[in-house]
Amino acid sequence: MAERENTNSLSIIDSHQHFWIYNPVRDAWITDEMKIIQRDFLPADLAPIYKQNNVVGCVAVQADQSETETEFLLSLANDYDFILGVVGWVDLRSDSLEERLQHFKSFKKLKGFRHIAQAEAIGFLTNQKLEQGIRSLAAHNFTYDILIYPHQLQDAVELVGKHPNQKFVLDHLAKPNIRKKEFDHWASQIKNLAVHPNVYCKLSGMVTEAKKKWSKDDFRPYLDFVLNQFGTSRVMYGSDWPVCLVAATYPEQLNIIQDYFQTFSKSEKHQIMNENAIRFYNL
């Protein structure tokens, strides 16, 4: 019983959340179906939620493809101590990439980069220019977040296999269609991806893929499979706040993860909810 009581009292690192000052043109991806998040979301909004849920720190992840976005997140991180790290954006295919990485290296809280590859065509992740950029990231000890859909997983497998010294993390389990219970193709490629020890996986974004009507049991097959492939040392909790709000409150999405891991050991829970994010992002 003591083990169960301790589950929800662990200090949590939220490895994946966003901030933005809402702009309907720039943020056109936030459709009217997602109307609840068509507004500003800033650290002052998140701080009380974290306090209520025992979250002690977070990683702020880019939501816009611009260096302006990176600078915006870094400015917030400078003002709020609970923002422990930033995953920004930089043009990995640019001829001036090395110069930009040297610039960003001076920001202690900038831990890595991401591109919204889910919006790109097949072949984006295996583009020669992008791969040159990935090699530059490794040289500077920057991480790379992989944001894709299941049909892009094969490209991701090829990418990570070519860059064994680069730290990668898969966002949102590669967004399987949980609402339609699509599993087999996703699982076969996740298995191929998890073979590579330089790849981690974020337990995040699931409620959004399940839409508004979901039960905890909907997520169990996906969590079972990811844990079986990656183990407890290469997965990390992330809320995907405020995007998660289209399908769940912060406590609701957090409780899915906490409930699933109730029977795991205390050390395993620490890994998943705290330590793995710290190690991966060097927080």
C-alpha atoms as a PDB file:
ATOM      1  CA  MET A   1       0.000   0.000   0.000  1.00  0.00           C
ATOM      2  CA  ALA A   2       2.875   2.367   0.758  1.00  0.00           C
ATOM      3  CA  GLU A   3       4.169   1.848  -2.800  1.00  0.00           C
ATOM      4  CA  ARG A   4       0.795   2.883  -4.229  1.00  0.00           C
ATOM      5  CA  GLU A   5       0.608   5.966  -2.024  1.00  0.00           C
ATOM      6  CA  ASN A   6       4.065   7.038  -3.113  1.00  0.00           C
ATOM      7  CA  THR A   7       3.206   6.961  -6.819  1.00  0.00           C
ATOM      8  CA  ASN A   8       1.478  10.320  -6.942  1.00  0.00           C
ATOM      9  CA  SER A   9       3.907  12.025  -4.563  1.00  0.00           C
ATOM     10  CA  LEU A  10       6.976  11.636  -6.770  1.00  0.00           C
ATOM     11  CA  SER A  11       8.549  14.851  -8.007  1.00  0.00           C
ATOM     12  CA  ILE A  12       7.742  15.047 -11.698  1.00  0.00           C
ATOM     13  CA  ILE A  13       9.602  16.481 -14.668  1.00  0.00           C
ATOM     14  CA  ASP A  14       7.247  17.241 -17.554  1.00  0.00           C
ATOM     15  CA  SER A  15       9.404  16.515 -20.605  1.00  0.00           C
ATOM     16  CA  HIS A  16       7.051  18.027 -23.174  1.00  0.00           C
ATOM     17  CA  GLN A  17       4.881  21.135 -23.078  1.00  0.00           C
ATOM     18  CA  HIS A  18       4.383  24.337 -25.055  1.00  0.00           C
ATOM     19  CA  PHE A  19       3.942  28.082 -24.623  1.00  0.00           C
ATOM     20  CA  TRP A  20       2.578  30.542 -27.134  1.00  0.00           C
ATOM     21  CA  ILE A  21       1.018  33.935 -27.604  1.00  0.00           C
ATOM     22  CA  TYR A  22      -1.826  32.927 -29.883  1.00  0.00           C
ATOM     23  CA  ASN A  23      -1.672  34.180 -33.451  1.00  0.00           C
ATOM     24  CA  PRO A  24      -4.515  32.878 -35.664  1.00  0.00           C
ATOM     25  CA  VAL A  25      -2.434  33.150 -38.837  1.00  0.00           C
ATOM     26  CA  ARG A  26       0.784  31.611 -37.552  1.00  0.00           C
ATOM     27  CA  ASP A  27      -1.113  29.065 -35.453  1.00  0.00           C
ATOM     28  CA  ALA A  28      -3.561  27.984 -38.144  1.00  0.00           C
ATOM     29  CA  TRP A  29      -2.904  24.364 -37.110  1.00  0.00           C
ATOM     30  CA  ILE A  30      -5.116  25.085 -34.091  1.00  0.00           C
ATOM     31  CA  THR A  31      -8.421  24.459 -35.858  1.00  0.00           C
ATOM     32  CA  ASP A  32     -11.892  25.342 -34.603  1.00  0.00           C
ATOM     33  CA  GLU A  33     -12.158  21.747 -33.355  1.00  0.00           C
ATOM     34  CA  MET A  34      -9.381  22.751 -30.957  1.00  0.00           C
ATOM     35  CA  LYS A  35     -11.026  26.026 -30.001  1.00  0.00           C
ATOM     36  CA  ILE A  36     -10.227  25.530 -26.327  1.00  0.00           C
ATOM     37  CA  ILE A  37      -6.546  26.252 -27.062  1.00  0.00           C
ATOM     38  CA  GLN A  38      -7.083  29.240 -29.348  1.00  0.00           C
ATOM     39  CA  ARG A  39      -5.637  31.600 -26.755  1.00  0.00           C
ATOM     40  CA  ASP A  40      -2.382  32.506 -25.019  1.00  0.00           C
ATOM     41  CA  PHE A  41      -0.645  29.913 -22.856  1.00  0.00           C
ATOM     42  CA  LEU A  42       2.245  31.202 -20.765  1.00  0.00           C
ATOM     43  CA  PRO A  43       4.262  30.138 -17.695  1.00  0.00           C
ATOM     44  CA  ALA A  44       1.982  32.028 -15.335  1.00  0.00           C
ATOM     45  CA  ASP A  45      -0.869  29.795 -16.525  1.00  0.00           C
ATOM     46  CA  LEU A  46       1.104  26.610 -16.016  1.00  0.00           C
ATOM     47  CA  ALA A  47       2.828  27.291 -12.686  1.00  0.00           C
ATOM     48  CA  PRO A  48      -0.257  26.743 -10.470  1.00  0.00           C
ATOM     49  CA  ILE A  49      -1.129  23.555 -12.368  1.00  0.00           C
ATOM     50  CA  TYR A  50       2.355  22.234 -11.731  1.00  0.00           C
ATOM     51  CA  LYS A  51       2.143  23.102  -8.061  1.00  0.00           C
ATOM     52  CA  GLN A  52      -1.134  21.206  -7.715  1.00  0.00           C
ATOM     53  CA  ASN A  53       0.291  18.125  -9.439  1.00  0.00           C
ATOM     54  CA  ASN A  54       3.784  18.007  -7.897  1.00  0.00           C
ATOM     55  CA  VAL A  55       5.559  18.880 -11.148  1.00  0.00           C
ATOM     56  CA  VAL A  56       8.876  20.527 -10.305  1.00  0.00           C
ATOM     57  CA  GLY A  57      10.165  21.356 -13.766  1.00  0.00           C
ATOM     58  CA  CYS A  58       9.590  21.054 -17.479  1.00  0.00           C
ATOM     59  CA  VAL A  59      11.014  21.114 -20.983  1.00  0.00           C
ATOM     60  CA  ALA A  60       9.413  23.745 -23.233  1.00  0.00           C
ATOM     61  CA  VAL A  61       9.177  22.509 -26.832  1.00  0.00           C
ATOM     62  CA  GLN A  62       8.825  24.578 -29.987  1.00  0.00           C
ATOM     63  CA  ALA A  63       5.455  24.864 -31.729  1.00  0.00           C
ATOM     64  CA  ASP A  64       6.523  27.187 -34.548  1.00  0.00           C
ATOM     65  CA  GLN A  65       9.213  26.783 -37.182  1.00  0.00           C
ATOM     66  CA  SER A  66      11.300  29.880 -36.539  1.00  0.00           C
ATOM     67  CA  GLU A  67      14.296  31.065 -34.601  1.00  0.00           C
ATOM     68  CA  THR A  68      11.983  33.723 -33.188  1.00  0.00           C
ATOM     69  CA  GLU A  69      10.184  30.861 -31.451  1.00  0.00           C
ATOM     70  CA  THR A  70      13.461  29.586 -30.030  1.00  0.00           C
ATOM     71  CA  GLU A  71      14.343  33.032 -28.687  1.00  0.00           C
ATOM     72  CA  PHE A  72      10.829  33.376 -27.228  1.00  0.00           C
ATOM     73  CA  LEU A  73      11.113  30.115 -25.294  1.00  0.00           C
ATOM     74  CA  LEU A  74      14.610  30.980 -24.094  1.00  0.00           C
ATOM     75  CA  SER A  75      13.383  34.329 -22.795  1.00  0.00           C
ATOM     76  CA  LEU A  76      10.644  32.563 -20.820  1.00  0.00           C
ATOM     77  CA  ALA A  77      13.159  30.050 -19.486  1.00  0.00           C
ATOM     78  CA  ASN A  78      15.336  32.934 -18.333  1.00  0.00           C
ATOM     79  CA  ASP A  79      12.415  34.364 -16.350  1.00  0.00           C
ATOM     80  CA  TYR A  80      10.998  31.146 -14.885  1.00  0.00           C
ATOM     81  CA  ASP A  81      13.206  28.695 -13.028  1.00  0.00           C
ATOM     82  CA  PHE A  82      10.807  25.783 -13.465  1.00  0.00           C
ATOM     83  CA  ILE A  83      11.514  25.789 -17.214  1.00  0.00           C
ATOM     84  CA  LEU A  84      14.582  23.581 -17.011  1.00  0.00           C
ATOM     85  CA  GLY A  85      15.195  23.154 -20.714  1.00  0.00           C
ATOM     86  CA  VAL A  86      14.136  24.321 -24.164  1.00  0.00           C
ATOM     87  CA  VAL A  87      13.769  22.353 -27.391  1.00  0.00           C
ATOM     88  CA  GLY A  88      13.846  25.015 -30.070  1.00  0.00           C
ATOM     89  CA  TRP A  89      13.903  25.225 -33.845  1.00  0.00           C
ATOM     90  CA  VAL A  90      16.748  25.910 -36.224  1.00  0.00           C
ATOM     91  CA  ASP A  91      16.977  25.262 -39.943  1.00  0.00           C
ATOM     92  CA  LEU A  92      18.963  22.037 -40.005  1.00  0.00           C
ATOM     93  CA  ARG A  93      19.277  22.264 -43.791  1.00  0.00           C
ATOM     94  CA  SER A  94      20.796  25.749 -43.784  1.00  0.00           C
ATOM     95  CA  ASP A  95      24.307  26.399 -45.084  1.00  0.00           C
ATOM     96  CA  SER A  96      24.815  28.652 -42.034  1.00  0.00           C
ATOM     97  CA  LEU A  97      23.752  25.990 -39.535  1.00  0.00           C
ATOM     98  CA  GLU A  98      27.153  25.762 -37.848  1.00  0.00           C
ATOM     99  CA  GLU A  99      27.125  29.488 -37.185  1.00  0.00           C
ATOM    100  CA  ARG A 100      23.603  29.282 -35.715  1.00  0.00           C
ATOM    101  CA  LEU A 101      24.516  26.350 -33.488  1.00  0.00           C
ATOM    102  CA  GLN A 102      27.527  28.226 -32.183  1.00  0.00           C
ATOM    103  CA  HIS A 103      25.178  31.104 -31.331  1.00  0.00           C
ATOM    104  CA  PHE A 104      22.661  28.882 -29.546  1.00  0.00           C
ATOM    105  CA  LYS A 105      25.376  26.978 -27.697  1.00  0.00           C
ATOM    106  CA  SER A 106      25.756  30.001 -25.417  1.00  0.00           C
ATOM    107  CA  PHE A 107      22.248  29.471 -23.978  1.00  0.00           C
ATOM    108  CA  LYS A 108      22.582  27.001 -21.128  1.00  0.00           C
ATOM    109  CA  LYS A 109      18.919  26.001 -21.114  1.00  0.00           C
ATOM    110  CA  LEU A 110      18.767  25.229 -24.829  1.00  0.00           C
ATOM    111  CA  LYS A 111      19.000  21.450 -24.939  1.00  0.00           C
ATOM    112  CA  GLY A 112      17.990  20.481 -28.447  1.00  0.00           C
ATOM    113  CA  PHE A 113      15.898  21.087 -31.531  1.00  0.00           C
ATOM    114  CA  ARG A 114      12.796  19.836 -33.280  1.00  0.00           C
ATOM    115  CA  HIS A 115      11.166  20.165 -36.673  1.00  0.00           C
ATOM    116  CA  ILE A 116       7.445  19.511 -37.197  1.00  0.00           C
ATOM    117  CA  ALA A 117       8.267  16.626 -39.498  1.00  0.00           C
ATOM    118  CA  GLN A 118       4.735  15.233 -39.243  1.00  0.00           C
ATOM    119  CA  ALA A 119       3.751  17.944 -41.728  1.00  0.00           C
ATOM    120  CA  GLU A 120       6.468  16.947 -44.199  1.00  0.00           C
ATOM    121  CA  ALA A 121       6.429  14.388 -47.005  1.00  0.00           C
ATOM    122  CA  ILE A 122       7.964  10.928 -46.801  1.00  0.00           C
ATOM    123  CA  GLY A 123      11.706  11.301 -47.291  1.00  0.00           C
ATOM    124  CA  PHE A 124      12.117  14.450 -45.220  1.00  0.00           C
ATOM    125  CA  LEU A 125      13.984  12.669 -42.434  1.00  0.00           C
ATOM    126  CA  THR A 126      16.326  10.965 -44.871  1.00  0.00           C
ATOM    127  CA  ASN A 127      17.121  14.098 -46.863  1.00  0.00           C
ATOM    128  CA  GLN A 128      20.878  14.494 -47.258  1.00  0.00           C
ATOM    129  CA  LYS A 129      20.905  18.122 -46.089  1.00  0.00           C
ATOM    130  CA  LEU A 130      18.903  17.238 -42.982  1.00  0.00           C
ATOM    131  CA  GLU A 131      21.257  14.405 -42.179  1.00  0.00           C
ATOM    132  CA  GLN A 132      24.223  16.773 -42.415  1.00  0.00           C
ATOM    133  CA  GLY A 133      22.406  18.970 -39.905  1.00  0.00           C
ATOM    134  CA  ILE A 134      21.837  16.042 -37.569  1.00  0.00           C
ATOM    135  CA  ARG A 135      25.571  15.325 -37.611  1.00  0.00           C
ATOM    136  CA  SER A 136      26.178  18.912 -36.520  1.00  0.00           C
ATOM    137  CA  LEU A 137      23.773  18.503 -33.595  1.00  0.00           C
ATOM    138  CA  ALA A 138      25.715  15.554 -32.256  1.00  0.00           C
ATOM    139  CA  ALA A 139      28.954  17.520 -32.421  1.00  0.00           C
ATOM    140  CA  HIS A 140      27.412  20.167 -30.152  1.00  0.00           C
ATOM    141  CA  ASN A 141      25.649  17.694 -27.845  1.00  0.00           C
ATOM    142  CA  PHE A 142      22.185  18.906 -28.850  1.00  0.00           C
ATOM    143  CA  THR A 143      19.260  16.458 -28.798  1.00  0.00           C
ATOM    144  CA  TYR A 144      16.685  15.977 -31.553  1.00  0.00           C
ATOM    145  CA  ASP A 145      12.954  15.416 -31.015  1.00  0.00           C
ATOM    146  CA  ILE A 146      11.287  13.292 -33.722  1.00  0.00           C
ATOM    147  CA  LEU A 147       7.705  14.442 -34.360  1.00  0.00           C
ATOM    148  CA  ILE A 148       6.065  12.160 -36.912  1.00  0.00           C
ATOM    149  CA  TYR A 149       3.052  10.012 -37.760  1.00  0.00           C
ATOM    150  CA  PRO A 150       3.254   6.201 -38.011  1.00  0.00           C
ATOM    151  CA  HIS A 151       3.632   6.225 -41.809  1.00  0.00           C
ATOM    152  CA  GLN A 152       6.934   8.112 -41.323  1.00  0.00           C
ATOM    153  CA  LEU A 153       8.410   5.661 -38.842  1.00  0.00           C
ATOM    154  CA  GLN A 154      10.380   3.765 -41.461  1.00  0.00           C
ATOM    155  CA  ASP A 155      12.234   6.962 -42.348  1.00  0.00           C
ATOM    156  CA  ALA A 156      12.897   7.563 -38.648  1.00  0.00           C
ATOM    157  CA  VAL A 157      14.362   4.078 -38.301  1.00  0.00           C
ATOM    158  CA  GLU A 158      16.714   4.793 -41.220  1.00  0.00           C
ATOM    159  CA  LEU A 159      17.686   8.171 -39.752  1.00  0.00           C
ATOM    160  CA  VAL A 160      18.578   6.979 -36.264  1.00  0.00           C
ATOM    161  CA  GLY A 161      20.482   4.005 -37.645  1.00  0.00           C
ATOM    162  CA  LYS A 162      22.808   6.342 -39.525  1.00  0.00           C
ATOM    163  CA  HIS A 163      23.491   8.514 -36.464  1.00  0.00           C
ATOM    164  CA  PRO A 164      24.289   6.236 -33.503  1.00  0.00           C
ATOM    165  CA  ASN A 165      25.976   9.050 -31.581  1.00  0.00           C
ATOM    166  CA  GLN A 166      22.997  11.409 -31.776  1.00  0.00           C
ATOM    167  CA  LYS A 167      20.443  11.457 -28.951  1.00  0.00           C
ATOM    168  CA  PHE A 168      16.906  11.139 -30.356  1.00  0.00           C
ATOM    169  CA  VAL A 169      13.543  11.088 -28.617  1.00  0.00           C
ATOM    170  CA  LEU A 170      10.286  10.076 -30.288  1.00  0.00           C
ATOM    171  CA  ASP A 171       7.468  12.469 -29.430  1.00  0.00           C
ATOM    172  CA  HIS A 172       3.960  11.202 -28.633  1.00  0.00           C
ATOM    173  CA  LEU A 173       4.712   7.530 -29.463  1.00  0.00           C
ATOM    174  CA  ALA A 174       4.682   8.629 -33.150  1.00  0.00           C
ATOM    175  CA  LYS A 175       0.988   9.494 -32.825  1.00  0.00           C
ATOM    176  CA  PRO A 176      -0.717   6.120 -33.378  1.00  0.00           C
ATOM    177  CA  ASN A 177      -4.431   6.421 -34.187  1.00  0.00           C
ATOM    178  CA  ILE A 178      -5.646   5.312 -30.779  1.00  0.00           C
ATOM    179  CA  ARG A 179      -9.241   6.304 -31.505  1.00  0.00           C
ATOM    180  CA  LYS A 180      -9.395   3.741 -34.334  1.00  0.00           C
ATOM    181  CA  LYS A 181      -7.239   1.262 -32.399  1.00  0.00           C
ATOM    182  CA  GLU A 182      -4.677   1.110 -35.232  1.00  0.00           C
ATOM    183  CA  PHE A 183      -1.761  -0.897 -33.911  1.00  0.00           C
ATOM    184  CA  ASP A 184       0.042  -3.499 -36.053  1.00  0.00           C
ATOM    185  CA  HIS A 185       1.933  -1.305 -38.539  1.00  0.00           C
ATOM    186  CA  TRP A 186       2.806   1.177 -35.794  1.00  0.00           C
ATOM    187  CA  ALA A 187       4.048  -1.588 -33.502  1.00  0.00           C
ATOM    188  CA  SER A 188       6.243  -3.231 -36.146  1.00  0.00           C
ATOM    189  CA  GLN A 189       8.084   0.032 -36.802  1.00  0.00           C
ATOM    190  CA  ILE A 190       8.314   1.010 -33.121  1.00  0.00           C
ATOM    191  CA  LYS A 191      10.052  -2.312 -32.565  1.00  0.00           C
ATOM    192  CA  ASN A 192      12.566  -1.471 -35.301  1.00  0.00           C
ATOM    193  CA  LEU A 193      13.146   1.994 -33.844  1.00  0.00           C
ATOM    194  CA  ALA A 194      13.592   0.841 -30.254  1.00  0.00           C
ATOM    195  CA  VAL A 195      16.446  -1.476 -31.267  1.00  0.00           C
ATOM    196  CA  HIS A 196      18.644   1.613 -31.404  1.00  0.00           C
ATOM    197  CA  PRO A 197      19.876   2.500 -27.881  1.00  0.00           C
ATOM    198  CA  ASN A 198      20.273   6.207 -28.727  1.00  0.00           C
ATOM    199  CA  VAL A 199      16.475   6.580 -29.093  1.00  0.00           C
ATOM    200  CA  TYR A 200      14.077   7.404 -26.250  1.00  0.00           C
ATOM    201  CA  CYS A 201      10.281   7.718 -26.331  1.00  0.00           C
ATOM    202  CA  LYS A 202       7.990  10.277 -24.720  1.00  0.00           C
ATOM    203  CA  LEU A 203       4.810   9.004 -23.091  1.00  0.00           C
ATOM    204  CA  SER A 204       2.894  12.028 -24.266  1.00  0.00           C
ATOM    205  CA  GLY A 205       0.187  13.190 -26.647  1.00  0.00           C
ATOM    206  CA  MET A 206      -1.938  10.062 -26.308  1.00  0.00           C
ATOM    207  CA  VAL A 207      -5.210  11.694 -25.297  1.00  0.00           C
ATOM    208  CA  THR A 208      -5.111  13.922 -28.370  1.00  0.00           C
ATOM    209  CA  GLU A 209      -4.912  10.864 -30.624  1.00  0.00           C
ATOM    210  CA  ALA A 210      -7.757   9.214 -28.716  1.00  0.00           C
ATOM    211  CA  LYS A 211      -9.934  12.325 -29.120  1.00  0.00           C
ATOM    212  CA  LYS A 212     -12.482  13.353 -26.504  1.00  0.00           C
ATOM    213  CA  LYS A 213     -14.064   9.995 -25.707  1.00  0.00           C
ATOM    214  CA  TRP A 214     -11.502   7.714 -24.152  1.00  0.00           C
ATOM    215  CA  SER A 215     -10.894   5.357 -21.244  1.00  0.00           C
ATOM    216  CA  LYS A 216      -7.610   4.426 -19.605  1.00  0.00           C
ATOM    217  CA  ASP A 217      -7.857   0.968 -21.158  1.00  0.00           C
ATOM    218  CA  ASP A 218      -7.546   2.521 -24.626  1.00  0.00           C
ATOM    219  CA  PHE A 219      -3.926   3.422 -23.910  1.00  0.00           C
ATOM    220  CA  ARG A 220      -2.764   0.223 -22.237  1.00  0.00           C
ATOM    221  CA  PRO A 221      -1.848  -1.768 -25.407  1.00  0.00           C
ATOM    222  CA  TYR A 222       0.319   1.124 -26.640  1.00  0.00           C
ATOM    223  CA  LEU A 223       1.988   1.671 -23.278  1.00  0.00           C
ATOM    224  CA  ASP A 224       2.534  -2.075 -22.855  1.00  0.00           C
ATOM    225  CA  PHE A 225       4.258  -2.290 -26.214  1.00  0.00           C
ATOM    226  CA  VAL A 226       6.421   0.809 -25.791  1.00  0.00           C
ATOM    227  CA  LEU A 227       7.570  -0.292 -22.336  1.00  0.00           C
ATOM    228  CA  ASN A 228       8.331  -3.766 -23.644  1.00  0.00           C
ATOM    229  CA  GLN A 229      10.475  -2.315 -26.444  1.00  0.00           C
ATOM    230  CA  PHE A 230      12.193   0.645 -24.792  1.00  0.00           C
ATOM    231  CA  GLY A 231      12.221  -0.492 -21.162  1.00  0.00           C
ATOM    232  CA  THR A 232      11.884   1.841 -18.206  1.00  0.00           C
ATOM    233  CA  SER A 233      15.247   3.545 -18.819  1.00  0.00           C
ATOM    234  CA  ARG A 234      14.314   5.076 -22.208  1.00  0.00           C
ATOM    235  CA  VAL A 235      10.804   6.432 -21.733  1.00  0.00           C
ATOM    236  CA  MET A 236       9.749   9.707 -20.127  1.00  0.00           C
ATOM    237  CA  TYR A 237       6.524  11.392 -19.110  1.00  0.00           C
ATOM    238  CA  GLY A 238       5.312  14.430 -21.037  1.00  0.00           C
ATOM    239  CA  SER A 239       1.973  16.227 -20.807  1.00  0.00           C
ATOM    240  CA  ASP A 240       1.831  17.964 -24.199  1.00  0.00           C
ATOM    241  CA  TRP A 241       0.086  20.842 -22.377  1.00  0.00           C
ATOM    242  CA  PRO A 242      -1.796  22.828 -23.540  1.00  0.00           C
ATOM    243  CA  VAL A 243      -2.550  20.671 -26.604  1.00  0.00           C
ATOM    244  CA  CYS A 244      -3.748  17.911 -24.261  1.00  0.00           C
ATOM    245  CA  LEU A 245      -6.596  20.181 -23.165  1.00  0.00           C
ATOM    246  CA  VAL A 246      -8.536  19.367 -26.324  1.00  0.00           C
ATOM    247  CA  ALA A 247      -9.143  15.902 -24.854  1.00  0.00           C
ATOM    248  CA  ALA A 248      -8.249  15.988 -21.130  1.00  0.00           C
ATOM    249  CA  THR A 249      -7.373  18.209 -18.205  1.00  0.00           C
ATOM    250  CA  TYR A 250      -3.799  18.195 -16.943  1.00  0.00           C
ATOM    251  CA  PRO A 251      -4.654  15.926 -13.967  1.00  0.00           C
ATOM    252  CA  GLU A 252      -6.602  13.542 -16.220  1.00  0.00           C
ATOM    253  CA  GLN A 253      -3.745  12.955 -18.662  1.00  0.00           C
ATOM    254  CA  LEU A 254      -1.245  12.675 -15.808  1.00  0.00           C
ATOM    255  CA  ASN A 255      -3.431  10.137 -14.017  1.00  0.00           C
ATOM    256  CA  ILE A 256      -3.385   7.852 -17.065  1.00  0.00           C
ATOM    257  CA  ILE A 257       0.377   7.499 -16.655  1.00  0.00           C
ATOM    258  CA  GLN A 258       0.380   7.363 -12.858  1.00  0.00           C
ATOM    259  CA  ASP A 259      -2.312   4.693 -12.830  1.00  0.00           C
ATOM    260  CA  TYR A 260      -0.520   2.593 -15.442  1.00  0.00           C
ATOM    261  CA  PHE A 261       2.734   2.595 -13.450  1.00  0.00           C
ATOM    262  CA  GLN A 262       1.186   1.893 -10.029  1.00  0.00           C
ATOM    263  CA  THR A 263       2.651  -1.616  -9.871  1.00  0.00           C
ATOM    264  CA  PHE A 264       6.142  -0.615 -11.018  1.00  0.00           C
ATOM    265  CA  SER A 265       8.942  -0.212  -8.481  1.00  0.00           C
ATOM    266  CA  LYS A 266       9.658   3.167  -6.943  1.00  0.00           C
ATOM    267  CA  SER A 267      12.987   3.395  -8.764  1.00  0.00           C
ATOM    268  CA  GLU A 268      11.293   2.668 -12.107  1.00  0.00           C
ATOM    269  CA  LYS A 269       8.712   5.374 -11.446  1.00  0.00           C
ATOM    270  CA  HIS A 270      11.500   7.844 -10.680  1.00  0.00           C
ATOM    271  CA  GLN A 271      13.142   6.977 -13.982  1.00  0.00           C
ATOM    272  CA  ILE A 272       9.987   7.500 -16.024  1.00  0.00           C
ATOM    273  CA  MET A 273       8.622  10.565 -14.249  1.00  0.00           C
ATOM    274  CA  ASN A 274      11.886  12.349 -13.542  1.00  0.00           C
ATOM    275  CA  GLU A 275      15.336  10.855 -14.061  1.00  0.00           C
ATOM    276  CA  ASN A 276      15.178   9.859 -17.735  1.00  0.00           C
ATOM    277  CA  ALA A 277      14.248  13.384 -18.829  1.00  0.00           C
ATOM    278  CA  ILE A 278      17.059  14.825 -16.707  1.00  0.00           C
ATOM    279  CA  ARG A 279      19.578  12.423 -18.211  1.00  0.00           C
ATOM    280  CA  PHE A 280      18.415  12.726 -21.805  1.00  0.00           C
ATOM    281  CA  TYR A 281      18.219  16.520 -21.855  1.00  0.00           C
ATOM    282  CA  ASN A 282      21.073  17.090 -19.380  1.00  0.00           C
ATOM    283  CA  LEU A 283      18.783  19.243 -17.217  1.00  0.00           C
END
